[in-house]
Amino acid sequence: MDSQSWTEHALLGENKTPYEQSNLIPDFRSVGALLSDNGILGTATLIAPDTIITAAHVLKNRTKDPLPTPSDWKFILYYDFE
């Protein structure tokens, strides 16, 4: 987003001023990176301690693609993602 600096973007992800969680701003702390051993990168949302949701195309682009192997993927929240 050209209209937002990286600092502003980080504040949004951390729910810090002026982006505190409210009726207008959702809580983005549970959104993280989903990274495969093959270098595929997408985003996912943590919905329980051991459960994430993501878009299907992050894990599998075509119907004929093999099913993803969970051990080949890592979910990384903001503070761990470098």
C-alpha atoms as a PDB file:
ATOM      1  CA  MET A   1       0.000   0.000   0.000  1.00  0.00           C
ATOM      2  CA  ASP A   2       1.616   3.182  -1.182  1.00  0.00           C
ATOM      3  CA  SER A   3      -0.510   5.229   1.190  1.00  0.00           C
ATOM      4  CA  GLN A   4       0.798   3.502   4.324  1.00  0.00           C
ATOM      5  CA  SER A   5       4.327   3.343   5.703  1.00  0.00           C
ATOM      6  CA  TRP A   6       5.870   0.112   7.026  1.00  0.00           C
ATOM      7  CA  THR A   7       5.688   1.588  10.530  1.00  0.00           C
ATOM      8  CA  GLU A   8       1.944   2.215  10.149  1.00  0.00           C
ATOM      9  CA  HIS A   9       1.492  -1.276   8.730  1.00  0.00           C
ATOM     10  CA  ALA A  10       3.297  -2.829  11.725  1.00  0.00           C
ATOM     11  CA  LEU A  11       1.136  -0.810  14.134  1.00  0.00           C
ATOM     12  CA  LEU A  12      -1.970  -2.174  12.396  1.00  0.00           C
ATOM     13  CA  GLY A  13      -0.759  -5.762  12.839  1.00  0.00           C
ATOM     14  CA  GLU A  14       0.060  -5.132  16.494  1.00  0.00           C
ATOM     15  CA  ASN A  15      -3.243  -3.345  17.223  1.00  0.00           C
ATOM     16  CA  LYS A  16      -1.393  -0.290  18.488  1.00  0.00           C
ATOM     17  CA  THR A  17      -2.472   3.358  18.284  1.00  0.00           C
ATOM     18  CA  PRO A  18      -4.311   4.379  16.168  1.00  0.00           C
ATOM     19  CA  TYR A  19      -5.403   0.816  15.322  1.00  0.00           C
ATOM     20  CA  GLU A  20      -6.628  -0.520  18.669  1.00  0.00           C
ATOM     21  CA  GLN A  21      -9.191  -3.300  18.367  1.00  0.00           C
ATOM     22  CA  SER A  22     -12.670  -1.793  18.183  1.00  0.00           C
ATOM     23  CA  ASN A  23     -15.919  -2.138  16.295  1.00  0.00           C
ATOM     24  CA  LEU A  24     -14.184  -0.530  13.304  1.00  0.00           C
ATOM     25  CA  ILE A  25     -10.743  -2.197  13.518  1.00  0.00           C
ATOM     26  CA  PRO A  26     -10.516  -6.007  13.904  1.00  0.00           C
ATOM     27  CA  ASP A  27      -7.814  -7.746  15.939  1.00  0.00           C
ATOM     28  CA  PHE A  28      -4.987  -8.674  13.556  1.00  0.00           C
ATOM     29  CA  ARG A  29      -2.589 -10.170  16.108  1.00  0.00           C
ATOM     30  CA  SER A  30      -3.575 -13.703  15.117  1.00  0.00           C
ATOM     31  CA  VAL A  31      -2.641 -13.225  11.424  1.00  0.00           C
ATOM     32  CA  GLY A  32       0.727 -14.710  10.564  1.00  0.00           C
ATOM     33  CA  ALA A  33       2.831 -16.137   7.763  1.00  0.00           C
ATOM     34  CA  LEU A  34       2.323 -19.644   6.475  1.00  0.00           C
ATOM     35  CA  LEU A  35       5.609 -20.893   5.006  1.00  0.00           C
ATOM     36  CA  SER A  36       6.302 -24.215   3.306  1.00  0.00           C
ATOM     37  CA  ASP A  37       9.615 -26.050   3.152  1.00  0.00           C
ATOM     38  CA  ASN A  38       9.523 -25.306  -0.603  1.00  0.00           C
ATOM     39  CA  GLY A  39       9.354 -21.544   0.011  1.00  0.00           C
ATOM     40  CA  ILE A  40       5.639 -21.015  -0.633  1.00  0.00           C
ATOM     41  CA  LEU A  41       4.481 -18.044   1.422  1.00  0.00           C
ATOM     42  CA  GLY A  42       0.934 -17.099   2.337  1.00  0.00           C
ATOM     43  CA  THR A  43      -1.000 -15.751   5.271  1.00  0.00           C
ATOM     44  CA  ALA A  44      -3.147 -17.602   7.769  1.00  0.00           C
ATOM     45  CA  THR A  45      -5.171 -16.766  10.850  1.00  0.00           C
ATOM     46  CA  LEU A  46      -4.781 -18.547  14.169  1.00  0.00           C
ATOM     47  CA  ILE A  47      -8.261 -19.517  15.383  1.00  0.00           C
ATOM     48  CA  ALA A  48      -7.274 -21.960  18.167  1.00  0.00           C
ATOM     49  CA  PRO A  49      -3.961 -22.932  19.789  1.00  0.00           C
ATOM     50  CA  ASP A  50      -3.442 -25.674  17.193  1.00  0.00           C
ATOM     51  CA  THR A  51      -5.668 -24.560  14.290  1.00  0.00           C
ATOM     52  CA  ILE A  52      -5.226 -22.034  11.497  1.00  0.00           C
ATOM     53  CA  ILE A  53      -7.296 -21.122   8.461  1.00  0.00           C
ATOM     54  CA  THR A  54      -5.951 -19.956   5.115  1.00  0.00           C
ATOM     55  CA  ALA A  55      -7.031 -19.680   1.512  1.00  0.00           C
ATOM     56  CA  ALA A  56      -7.102 -23.001  -0.334  1.00  0.00           C
ATOM     57  CA  HIS A  57      -4.801 -21.724  -3.094  1.00  0.00           C
ATOM     58  CA  VAL A  58      -1.999 -21.206  -0.552  1.00  0.00           C
ATOM     59  CA  LEU A  59      -1.864 -24.956   0.071  1.00  0.00           C
ATOM     60  CA  LYS A  60      -3.022 -26.362  -3.249  1.00  0.00           C
ATOM     61  CA  ASN A  61      -3.279 -24.510  -6.590  1.00  0.00           C
ATOM     62  CA  ARG A  62      -4.822 -27.220  -8.754  1.00  0.00           C
ATOM     63  CA  THR A  63      -7.206 -30.091  -8.140  1.00  0.00           C
ATOM     64  CA  LYS A  64      -4.552 -32.551  -9.290  1.00  0.00           C
ATOM     65  CA  ASP A  65      -1.901 -31.213  -6.896  1.00  0.00           C
ATOM     66  CA  PRO A  66      -1.054 -33.648  -4.084  1.00  0.00           C
ATOM     67  CA  LEU A  67      -2.545 -33.006  -0.670  1.00  0.00           C
ATOM     68  CA  PRO A  68      -0.283 -30.846   1.494  1.00  0.00           C
ATOM     69  CA  THR A  69       1.778 -32.519   4.203  1.00  0.00           C
ATOM     70  CA  PRO A  70       1.270 -30.626   7.497  1.00  0.00           C
ATOM     71  CA  SER A  71       4.864 -31.221   8.631  1.00  0.00           C
ATOM     72  CA  ASP A  72       6.097 -29.344   5.516  1.00  0.00           C
ATOM     73  CA  TRP A  73       4.486 -26.088   6.703  1.00  0.00           C
ATOM     74  CA  LYS A  74       5.217 -23.601   9.503  1.00  0.00           C
ATOM     75  CA  PHE A  75       2.876 -20.968  10.893  1.00  0.00           C
ATOM     76  CA  ILE A  76       4.788 -17.952  12.149  1.00  0.00           C
ATOM     77  CA  LEU A  77       3.286 -15.050  14.078  1.00  0.00           C
ATOM     78  CA  TYR A  78       4.669 -11.543  13.555  1.00  0.00           C
ATOM     79  CA  TYR A  79       7.283 -11.473  16.295  1.00  0.00           C
ATOM     80  CA  ASP A  80       8.889 -14.722  15.068  1.00  0.00           C
ATOM     81  CA  PHE A  81       8.746 -13.899  11.357  1.00  0.00           C
ATOM     82  CA  GLU A  82      12.051 -12.681   9.920  1.00  0.00           C
END
